[in-house]
Amino acid sequence: MNEWIMNLINELEKKLNQSNAQMIGTAMGQRTWSEKQRTNKVHRPSMEESANDFSSKIPQMKEAIKGRFADKLTEELGKQEKALTNFL
C-alpha cells in the first residue's frame, strides 16, 4: 500500500509540473505578444516616416546620378522600398 501511495504522489507531482510548464508557456506567449504590440505602437510612426522619405528620395537620386548606374541603383532601391513597405 505504501508503494501505491508513493506512485500516486509521483503521478500528482508530474501532473503539477506539466500544469506549471503550460502556465509559464502561456504567460510568456502573452508577454511576447504584448511587447510586440507595444513596440509596433511606439516605432511604427518612425518606420512609416522612413519609408515615405526613402520612396520620395529615389527620383531625386536618379536625377542626380545619370547613366546605367542610375538605372541599376534605382532598380535596387525600388526593391528595397518594396521590402520596407511589405515589412510595415
PDB file of N, CA and C in Angstrom:
ATOM      1  N   MET A   1       0.818  -1.185   0.000  1.00  0.00           N
ATOM      2  CA  MET A   1       0.000   0.000   0.000  1.00  0.00           C
ATOM      3  C   MET A   1       0.869   1.260   0.000  1.00  0.00           C
ATOM      4  N   ASN A   2       1.966   1.215   0.703  1.00  0.00           N
ATOM      5  CA  ASN A   2       2.881   2.351   0.766  1.00  0.00           C
ATOM      6  C   ASN A   2       3.430   2.684  -0.623  1.00  0.00           C
ATOM      7  N   GLU A   3       3.696   1.656  -1.397  1.00  0.00           N
ATOM      8  CA  GLU A   3       4.196   1.857  -2.761  1.00  0.00           C
ATOM      9  C   GLU A   3       3.120   2.492  -3.639  1.00  0.00           C
ATOM     10  N   TRP A   4       1.880   2.076  -3.452  1.00  0.00           N
ATOM     11  CA  TRP A   4       0.761   2.641  -4.210  1.00  0.00           C
ATOM     12  C   TRP A   4       0.616   4.139  -3.935  1.00  0.00           C
ATOM     13  N   ILE A   5       0.744   4.532  -2.682  1.00  0.00           N
ATOM     14  CA  ILE A   5       0.651   5.953  -2.308  1.00  0.00           C
ATOM     15  C   ILE A   5       1.815   6.730  -2.912  1.00  0.00           C
ATOM     16  N   MET A   6       3.009   6.175  -2.889  1.00  0.00           N
ATOM     17  CA  MET A   6       4.172   6.849  -3.466  1.00  0.00           C
ATOM     18  C   MET A   6       3.996   7.037  -4.976  1.00  0.00           C
ATOM     19  N   ASN A   7       3.460   6.019  -5.642  1.00  0.00           N
ATOM     20  CA  ASN A   7       3.184   6.127  -7.076  1.00  0.00           C
ATOM     21  C   ASN A   7       2.156   7.220  -7.350  1.00  0.00           C
ATOM     22  N   LEU A   8       1.144   7.282  -6.510  1.00  0.00           N
ATOM     23  CA  LEU A   8       0.113   8.302  -6.661  1.00  0.00           C
ATOM     24  C   LEU A   8       0.702   9.700  -6.456  1.00  0.00           C
ATOM     25  N   ILE A   9       1.541   9.863  -5.464  1.00  0.00           N
ATOM     26  CA  ILE A   9       2.188  11.157  -5.199  1.00  0.00           C
ATOM     27  C   ILE A   9       3.097  11.544  -6.368  1.00  0.00           C
ATOM     28  N   ASN A  10       3.845  10.599  -6.879  1.00  0.00           N
ATOM     29  CA  ASN A  10       4.717  10.871  -8.030  1.00  0.00           C
ATOM     30  C   ASN A  10       3.905  11.285  -9.259  1.00  0.00           C
ATOM     31  N   GLU A  11       2.786  10.606  -9.474  1.00  0.00           N
ATOM     32  CA  GLU A  11       1.931  10.938 -10.615  1.00  0.00           C
ATOM     33  C   GLU A  11       1.341  12.343 -10.456  1.00  0.00           C
ATOM     34  N   LEU A  12       0.923  12.666  -9.246  1.00  0.00           N
ATOM     35  CA  LEU A  12       0.401  14.009  -8.980  1.00  0.00           C
ATOM     36  C   LEU A  12       1.485  15.076  -9.176  1.00  0.00           C
ATOM     37  N   GLU A  13       2.690  14.766  -8.769  1.00  0.00           N
ATOM     38  CA  GLU A  13       3.802  15.703  -8.942  1.00  0.00           C
ATOM     39  C   GLU A  13       4.094  15.942 -10.423  1.00  0.00           C
ATOM     40  N   LYS A  14       4.050  14.881 -11.232  1.00  0.00           N
ATOM     41  CA  LYS A  14       4.252  15.019 -12.678  1.00  0.00           C
ATOM     42  C   LYS A  14       3.181  15.910 -13.288  1.00  0.00           C
ATOM     43  N   LYS A  15       1.928  15.662 -12.904  1.00  0.00           N
ATOM     44  CA  LYS A  15       0.816  16.460 -13.442  1.00  0.00           C
ATOM     45  C   LYS A  15       0.954  17.932 -13.038  1.00  0.00           C
ATOM     46  N   LEU A  16       1.371  18.161 -11.817  1.00  0.00           N
ATOM     47  CA  LEU A  16       1.565  19.527 -11.335  1.00  0.00           C
ATOM     48  C   LEU A  16       2.676  20.218 -12.115  1.00  0.00           C
ATOM     49  N   ASN A  17       3.766  19.526 -12.368  1.00  0.00           N
ATOM     50  CA  ASN A  17       4.867  20.092 -13.153  1.00  0.00           C
ATOM     51  C   ASN A  17       4.431  20.403 -14.588  1.00  0.00           C
ATOM     52  N   GLN A  18       3.634  19.516 -15.179  1.00  0.00           N
ATOM     53  CA  GLN A  18       3.122  19.755 -16.533  1.00  0.00           C
ATOM     54  C   GLN A  18       2.240  20.998 -16.555  1.00  0.00           C
ATOM     55  N   SER A  19       1.392  21.107 -15.559  1.00  0.00           N
ATOM     56  CA  SER A  19       0.490  22.256 -15.482  1.00  0.00           C
ATOM     57  C   SER A  19       1.278  23.551 -15.304  1.00  0.00           C
ATOM     58  N   ASN A  20       2.298  23.526 -14.470  1.00  0.00           N
ATOM     59  CA  ASN A  20       3.139  24.706 -14.271  1.00  0.00           C
ATOM     60  C   ASN A  20       3.857  25.103 -15.558  1.00  0.00           C
ATOM     61  N   ALA A  21       4.352  24.130 -16.281  1.00  0.00           N
ATOM     62  CA  ALA A  21       5.054  24.409 -17.539  1.00  0.00           C
ATOM     63  C   ALA A  21       4.094  25.019 -18.558  1.00  0.00           C
ATOM     64  N   GLN A  22       2.874  24.522 -18.617  1.00  0.00           N
ATOM     65  CA  GLN A  22       1.882  25.073 -19.539  1.00  0.00           C
ATOM     66  C   GLN A  22       1.529  26.511 -19.161  1.00  0.00           C
ATOM     67  N   MET A  23       1.379  26.783 -17.879  1.00  0.00           N
ATOM     68  CA  MET A  23       1.048  28.136 -17.436  1.00  0.00           C
ATOM     69  C   MET A  23       2.185  29.105 -17.734  1.00  0.00           C
ATOM     70  N   ILE A  24       3.418  28.661 -17.525  1.00  0.00           N
ATOM     71  CA  ILE A  24       4.572  29.510 -17.822  1.00  0.00           C
ATOM     72  C   ILE A  24       4.649  29.790 -19.316  1.00  0.00           C
ATOM     73  N   GLY A  25       4.430  28.769 -20.135  1.00  0.00           N
ATOM     74  CA  GLY A  25       4.447  28.949 -21.587  1.00  0.00           C
ATOM     75  C   GLY A  25       3.376  29.917 -22.052  1.00  0.00           C
ATOM     76  N   THR A  26       2.196  29.804 -21.500  1.00  0.00           N
ATOM     77  CA  THR A  26       1.100  30.709 -21.858  1.00  0.00           C
ATOM     78  C   THR A  26       1.426  32.136 -21.442  1.00  0.00           C
ATOM     79  N   ALA A  27       1.949  32.300 -20.254  1.00  0.00           N
ATOM     80  CA  ALA A  27       2.299  33.636 -19.763  1.00  0.00           C
ATOM     81  C   ALA A  27       3.389  34.264 -20.622  1.00  0.00           C
ATOM     82  N   MET A  28       4.362  33.473 -21.014  1.00  0.00           N
ATOM     83  CA  MET A  28       5.439  34.002 -21.858  1.00  0.00           C
ATOM     84  C   MET A  28       4.906  34.396 -23.227  1.00  0.00           C
ATOM     85  N   GLY A  29       3.989  33.613 -23.772  1.00  0.00           N
ATOM     86  CA  GLY A  29       3.381  33.946 -25.060  1.00  0.00           C
ATOM     87  C   GLY A  29       2.609  35.252 -24.980  1.00  0.00           C
ATOM     88  N   GLN A  30       1.867  35.432 -23.906  1.00  0.00           N
ATOM     89  CA  GLN A  30       1.107  36.673 -23.731  1.00  0.00           C
ATOM     90  C   GLN A  30       2.045  37.859 -23.557  1.00  0.00           C
ATOM     91  N   ARG A  31       3.116  37.652 -22.828  1.00  0.00           N
ATOM     92  CA  ARG A  31       4.087  38.733 -22.619  1.00  0.00           C
ATOM     93  C   ARG A  31       4.749  39.118 -23.936  1.00  0.00           C
ATOM     94  N   THR A  32       5.128  38.131 -24.722  1.00  0.00           N
ATOM     95  CA  THR A  32       5.744  38.404 -26.019  1.00  0.00           C
ATOM     96  C   THR A  32       4.788  39.163 -26.925  1.00  0.00           C
ATOM     97  N   TRP A  33       3.529  38.756 -26.939  1.00  0.00           N
ATOM     98  CA  TRP A  33       2.534  39.431 -27.762  1.00  0.00           C
ATOM     99  C   TRP A  33       2.364  40.879 -27.330  1.00  0.00           C
ATOM    100  N   SER A  34       2.279  41.125 -26.025  1.00  0.00           N
ATOM    101  CA  SER A  34       2.073  42.497 -25.553  1.00  0.00           C
ATOM    102  C   SER A  34       3.301  43.361 -25.828  1.00  0.00           C
ATOM    103  N   GLU A  35       4.498  42.796 -25.711  1.00  0.00           N
ATOM    104  CA  GLU A  35       5.717  43.553 -26.028  1.00  0.00           C
ATOM    105  C   GLU A  35       5.768  43.889 -27.521  1.00  0.00           C
ATOM    106  N   LYS A  36       5.348  42.961 -28.365  1.00  0.00           N
ATOM    107  CA  LYS A  36       5.321  43.218 -29.801  1.00  0.00           C
ATOM    108  C   LYS A  36       4.328  44.322 -30.128  1.00  0.00           C
ATOM    109  N   GLN A  37       3.156  44.287 -29.506  1.00  0.00           N
ATOM    110  CA  GLN A  37       2.154  45.321 -29.728  1.00  0.00           C
ATOM    111  C   GLN A  37       2.685  46.692 -29.294  1.00  0.00           C
ATOM    112  N   ARG A  38       3.338  46.734 -28.142  1.00  0.00           N
ATOM    113  CA  ARG A  38       3.883  47.993 -27.624  1.00  0.00           C
ATOM    114  C   ARG A  38       4.984  48.515 -28.540  1.00  0.00           C
ATOM    115  N   THR A  39       5.838  47.635 -29.016  1.00  0.00           N
ATOM    116  CA  THR A  39       6.911  48.035 -29.919  1.00  0.00           C
ATOM    117  C   THR A  39       6.348  48.570 -31.222  1.00  0.00           C
ATOM    118  N   ASN A  40       5.357  47.898 -31.773  1.00  0.00           N
ATOM    119  CA  ASN A  40       4.722  48.377 -33.005  1.00  0.00           C
ATOM    120  C   ASN A  40       4.118  49.756 -32.804  1.00  0.00           C
ATOM    121  N   LYS A  41       3.463  49.953 -31.677  1.00  0.00           N
ATOM    122  CA  LYS A  41       2.816  51.230 -31.397  1.00  0.00           C
ATOM    123  C   LYS A  41       3.843  52.351 -31.279  1.00  0.00           C
ATOM    124  N   VAL A  42       4.967  52.075 -30.644  1.00  0.00           N
ATOM    125  CA  VAL A  42       5.989  53.096 -30.415  1.00  0.00           C
ATOM    126  C   VAL A  42       6.787  53.389 -31.686  1.00  0.00           C
ATOM    127  N   HIS A  43       7.175  52.356 -32.429  1.00  0.00           N
ATOM    128  CA  HIS A  43       8.112  52.531 -33.539  1.00  0.00           C
ATOM    129  C   HIS A  43       7.457  52.638 -34.915  1.00  0.00           C
ATOM    130  N   ARG A  44       6.218  52.285 -35.035  1.00  0.00           N
ATOM    131  CA  ARG A  44       5.566  52.295 -36.351  1.00  0.00           C
ATOM    132  C   ARG A  44       5.570  53.673 -37.021  1.00  0.00           C
ATOM    133  N   PRO A  45       5.272  54.760 -36.302  1.00  0.00           N
ATOM    134  CA  PRO A  45       5.299  56.068 -36.966  1.00  0.00           C
ATOM    135  C   PRO A  45       6.667  56.424 -37.555  1.00  0.00           C
ATOM    136  N   SER A  46       7.728  56.120 -36.839  1.00  0.00           N
ATOM    137  CA  SER A  46       9.057  56.434 -37.371  1.00  0.00           C
ATOM    138  C   SER A  46       9.412  55.532 -38.544  1.00  0.00           C
ATOM    139  N   MET A  47       8.944  54.282 -38.526  1.00  0.00           N
ATOM    140  CA  MET A  47       9.191  53.384 -39.650  1.00  0.00           C
ATOM    141  C   MET A  47       8.442  53.863 -40.887  1.00  0.00           C
ATOM    142  N   GLU A  48       7.196  54.312 -40.697  1.00  0.00           N
ATOM    143  CA  GLU A  48       6.420  54.814 -41.831  1.00  0.00           C
ATOM    144  C   GLU A  48       7.039  56.086 -42.399  1.00  0.00           C
ATOM    145  N   GLU A  49       7.513  56.947 -41.506  1.00  0.00           N
ATOM    146  CA  GLU A  49       8.162  58.175 -41.963  1.00  0.00           C
ATOM    147  C   GLU A  49       9.424  57.851 -42.765  1.00  0.00           C
ATOM    148  N   SER A  50      10.194  56.895 -42.290  1.00  0.00           N
ATOM    149  CA  SER A  50      11.404  56.488 -43.010  1.00  0.00           C
ATOM    150  C   SER A  50      11.064  55.914 -44.377  1.00  0.00           C
ATOM    151  N   ALA A  51      10.035  55.103 -44.433  1.00  0.00           N
ATOM    152  CA  ALA A  51       9.626  54.511 -45.713  1.00  0.00           C
ATOM    153  C   ALA A  51       9.178  55.599 -46.686  1.00  0.00           C
ATOM    154  N   ASN A  52       8.430  56.577 -46.208  1.00  0.00           N
ATOM    155  CA  ASN A  52       7.983  57.665 -47.067  1.00  0.00           C
ATOM    156  C   ASN A  52       9.162  58.512 -47.546  1.00  0.00           C
ATOM    157  N   ASP A  53      10.093  58.819 -46.652  1.00  0.00           N
ATOM    158  CA  ASP A  53      11.283  59.577 -47.042  1.00  0.00           C
ATOM    159  C   ASP A  53      12.098  58.818 -48.080  1.00  0.00           C
ATOM    160  N   PHE A  54      12.240  57.532 -47.848  1.00  0.00           N
ATOM    161  CA  PHE A  54      13.028  56.698 -48.751  1.00  0.00           C
ATOM    162  C   PHE A  54      12.418  56.713 -50.146  1.00  0.00           C
ATOM    163  N   SER A  55      11.097  56.512 -50.219  1.00  0.00           N
ATOM    164  CA  SER A  55      10.455  56.450 -51.525  1.00  0.00           C
ATOM    165  C   SER A  55      10.458  57.810 -52.232  1.00  0.00           C
ATOM    166  N   SER A  56      10.435  58.886 -51.470  1.00  0.00           N
ATOM    167  CA  SER A  56      10.449  60.200 -52.115  1.00  0.00           C
ATOM    168  C   SER A  56      11.850  60.597 -52.588  1.00  0.00           C
ATOM    169  N   LYS A  57      12.880  59.999 -52.047  1.00  0.00           N
ATOM    170  CA  LYS A  57      14.261  60.347 -52.425  1.00  0.00           C
ATOM    171  C   LYS A  57      14.743  59.592 -53.664  1.00  0.00           C
ATOM    172  N   ILE A  58      14.106  58.494 -54.018  1.00  0.00           N
ATOM    173  CA  ILE A  58      14.562  57.694 -55.162  1.00  0.00           C
ATOM    174  C   ILE A  58      14.563  58.510 -56.460  1.00  0.00           C
ATOM    175  N   PRO A  59      13.501  59.226 -56.802  1.00  0.00           N
ATOM    176  CA  PRO A  59      13.538  60.014 -58.044  1.00  0.00           C
ATOM    177  C   PRO A  59      14.620  61.110 -58.012  1.00  0.00           C
ATOM    178  N   GLN A  60      14.823  61.701 -56.857  1.00  0.00           N
ATOM    179  CA  GLN A  60      15.860  62.730 -56.737  1.00  0.00           C
ATOM    180  C   GLN A  60      17.246  62.134 -56.965  1.00  0.00           C
ATOM    181  N   MET A  61      17.469  60.944 -56.451  1.00  0.00           N
ATOM    182  CA  MET A  61      18.767  60.286 -56.643  1.00  0.00           C
ATOM    183  C   MET A  61      18.962  59.931 -58.113  1.00  0.00           C
ATOM    184  N   LYS A  62      17.897  59.501 -58.775  1.00  0.00           N
ATOM    185  CA  LYS A  62      18.005  59.150 -60.191  1.00  0.00           C
ATOM    186  C   LYS A  62      18.358  60.387 -61.019  1.00  0.00           C
ATOM    187  N   GLU A  63      17.814  61.535 -60.657  1.00  0.00           N
ATOM    188  CA  GLU A  63      18.142  62.783 -61.348  1.00  0.00           C
ATOM    189  C   GLU A  63      19.594  63.176 -61.114  1.00  0.00           C
ATOM    190  N   ALA A  64      20.068  62.965 -59.894  1.00  0.00           N
ATOM    191  CA  ALA A  64      21.425  63.372 -59.542  1.00  0.00           C
ATOM    192  C   ALA A  64      22.471  62.442 -60.162  1.00  0.00           C
ATOM    193  N   ILE A  65      22.130  61.167 -60.313  1.00  0.00           N
ATOM    194  CA  ILE A  65      23.064  60.177 -60.858  1.00  0.00           C
ATOM    195  C   ILE A  65      22.546  59.768 -62.230  1.00  0.00           C
ATOM    196  N   LYS A  66      23.377  59.863 -63.222  1.00  0.00           N
ATOM    197  CA  LYS A  66      22.954  59.578 -64.600  1.00  0.00           C
ATOM    198  C   LYS A  66      23.546  58.253 -65.082  1.00  0.00           C
ATOM    199  N   GLY A  67      23.000  57.759 -66.167  1.00  0.00           N
ATOM    200  CA  GLY A  67      23.572  56.594 -66.849  1.00  0.00           C
ATOM    201  C   GLY A  67      23.042  55.271 -66.345  1.00  0.00           C
ATOM    202  N   ARG A  68      23.772  54.210 -66.746  1.00  0.00           N
ATOM    203  CA  ARG A  68      23.362  52.844 -66.395  1.00  0.00           C
ATOM    204  C   ARG A  68      23.424  52.616 -64.892  1.00  0.00           C
ATOM    205  N   PHE A  69      24.389  53.273 -64.260  1.00  0.00           N
ATOM    206  CA  PHE A  69      24.498  53.112 -62.811  1.00  0.00           C
ATOM    207  C   PHE A  69      23.238  53.627 -62.119  1.00  0.00           C
ATOM    208  N   ALA A  70      22.710  54.734 -62.621  1.00  0.00           N
ATOM    209  CA  ALA A  70      21.483  55.290 -62.043  1.00  0.00           C
ATOM    210  C   ALA A  70      20.315  54.313 -62.213  1.00  0.00           C
ATOM    211  N   ASP A  71      20.249  53.672 -63.370  1.00  0.00           N
ATOM    212  CA  ASP A  71      19.179  52.702 -63.605  1.00  0.00           C
ATOM    213  C   ASP A  71      19.293  51.520 -62.648  1.00  0.00           C
ATOM    214  N   LYS A  72      20.515  50.995 -62.508  1.00  0.00           N
ATOM    215  CA  LYS A  72      20.738  49.870 -61.596  1.00  0.00           C
ATOM    216  C   LYS A  72      20.434  50.276 -60.156  1.00  0.00           C
ATOM    217  N   LEU A  73      20.897  51.485 -59.806  1.00  0.00           N
ATOM    218  CA  LEU A  73      20.697  51.962 -58.447  1.00  0.00           C
ATOM    219  C   LEU A  73      19.214  52.125 -58.133  1.00  0.00           C
ATOM    220  N   THR A  74      18.477  52.741 -59.028  1.00  0.00           N
ATOM    221  CA  THR A  74      17.046  52.924 -58.783  1.00  0.00           C
ATOM    222  C   THR A  74      16.299  51.586 -58.771  1.00  0.00           C
ATOM    223  N   GLU A  75      16.756  50.644 -59.562  1.00  0.00           N
ATOM    224  CA  GLU A  75      16.140  49.317 -59.536  1.00  0.00           C
ATOM    225  C   GLU A  75      16.328  48.662 -58.171  1.00  0.00           C
ATOM    226  N   GLU A  76      17.549  48.720 -57.658  1.00  0.00           N
ATOM    227  CA  GLU A  76      17.836  48.129 -56.346  1.00  0.00           C
ATOM    228  C   GLU A  76      17.111  48.878 -55.236  1.00  0.00           C
ATOM    229  N   LEU A  77      17.092  50.188 -55.324  1.00  0.00           N
ATOM    230  CA  LEU A  77      16.387  50.967 -54.312  1.00  0.00           C
ATOM    231  C   LEU A  77      14.889  50.698 -54.363  1.00  0.00           C
ATOM    232  N   GLY A  78      14.356  50.464 -55.544  1.00  0.00           N
ATOM    233  CA  GLY A  78      12.948  50.090 -55.680  1.00  0.00           C
ATOM    234  C   GLY A  78      12.650  48.778 -54.977  1.00  0.00           C
ATOM    235  N   LYS A  79      13.564  47.820 -55.105  1.00  0.00           N
ATOM    236  CA  LYS A  79      13.399  46.538 -54.412  1.00  0.00           C
ATOM    237  C   LYS A  79      13.415  46.743 -52.895  1.00  0.00           C
ATOM    238  N   GLN A  80      14.340  47.597 -52.445  1.00  0.00           N
ATOM    239  CA  GLN A  80      14.433  47.876 -51.015  1.00  0.00           C
ATOM    240  C   GLN A  80      13.177  48.585 -50.512  1.00  0.00           C
ATOM    241  N   GLU A  81      12.648  49.478 -51.330  1.00  0.00           N
ATOM    242  CA  GLU A  81      11.420  50.194 -50.970  1.00  0.00           C
ATOM    243  C   GLU A  81      10.267  49.202 -50.812  1.00  0.00           C
ATOM    244  N   LYS A  82      10.151  48.256 -51.748  1.00  0.00           N
ATOM    245  CA  LYS A  82       9.086  47.255 -51.658  1.00  0.00           C
ATOM    246  C   LYS A  82       9.249  46.395 -50.413  1.00  0.00           C
ATOM    247  N   ALA A  83      10.483  46.020 -50.125  1.00  0.00           N
ATOM    248  CA  ALA A  83      10.735  45.203 -48.934  1.00  0.00           C
ATOM    249  C   ALA A  83      10.363  45.962 -47.658  1.00  0.00           C
ATOM    250  N   LEU A  84      10.715  47.235 -47.622  1.00  0.00           N
ATOM    251  CA  LEU A  84      10.385  48.048 -46.456  1.00  0.00           C
ATOM    252  C   LEU A  84       8.877  48.238 -46.323  1.00  0.00           C
ATOM    253  N   THR A  85       8.214  48.459 -47.429  1.00  0.00           N
ATOM    254  CA  THR A  85       6.762  48.631 -47.410  1.00  0.00           C
ATOM    255  C   THR A  85       6.074  47.332 -46.968  1.00  0.00           C
ATOM    256  N   ASN A  86       6.561  46.198 -47.438  1.00  0.00           N
ATOM    257  CA  ASN A  86       5.982  44.912 -47.048  1.00  0.00           C
ATOM    258  C   ASN A  86       6.220  44.642 -45.567  1.00  0.00           C
ATOM    259  N   PHE A  87       7.332  45.128 -45.049  1.00  0.00           N
ATOM    260  CA  PHE A  87       7.657  44.925 -43.642  1.00  0.00           C
ATOM    261  C   PHE A  87       6.672  45.665 -42.748  1.00  0.00           C
ATOM    262  N   LEU A  88       6.231  46.816 -43.229  1.00  0.00           N
ATOM    263  CA  LEU A  88       5.265  47.592 -42.434  1.00  0.00           C
ATOM    264  C   LEU A  88       3.950  46.892 -42.443  1.00  0.00           C
TER     265      LEU A  88
END
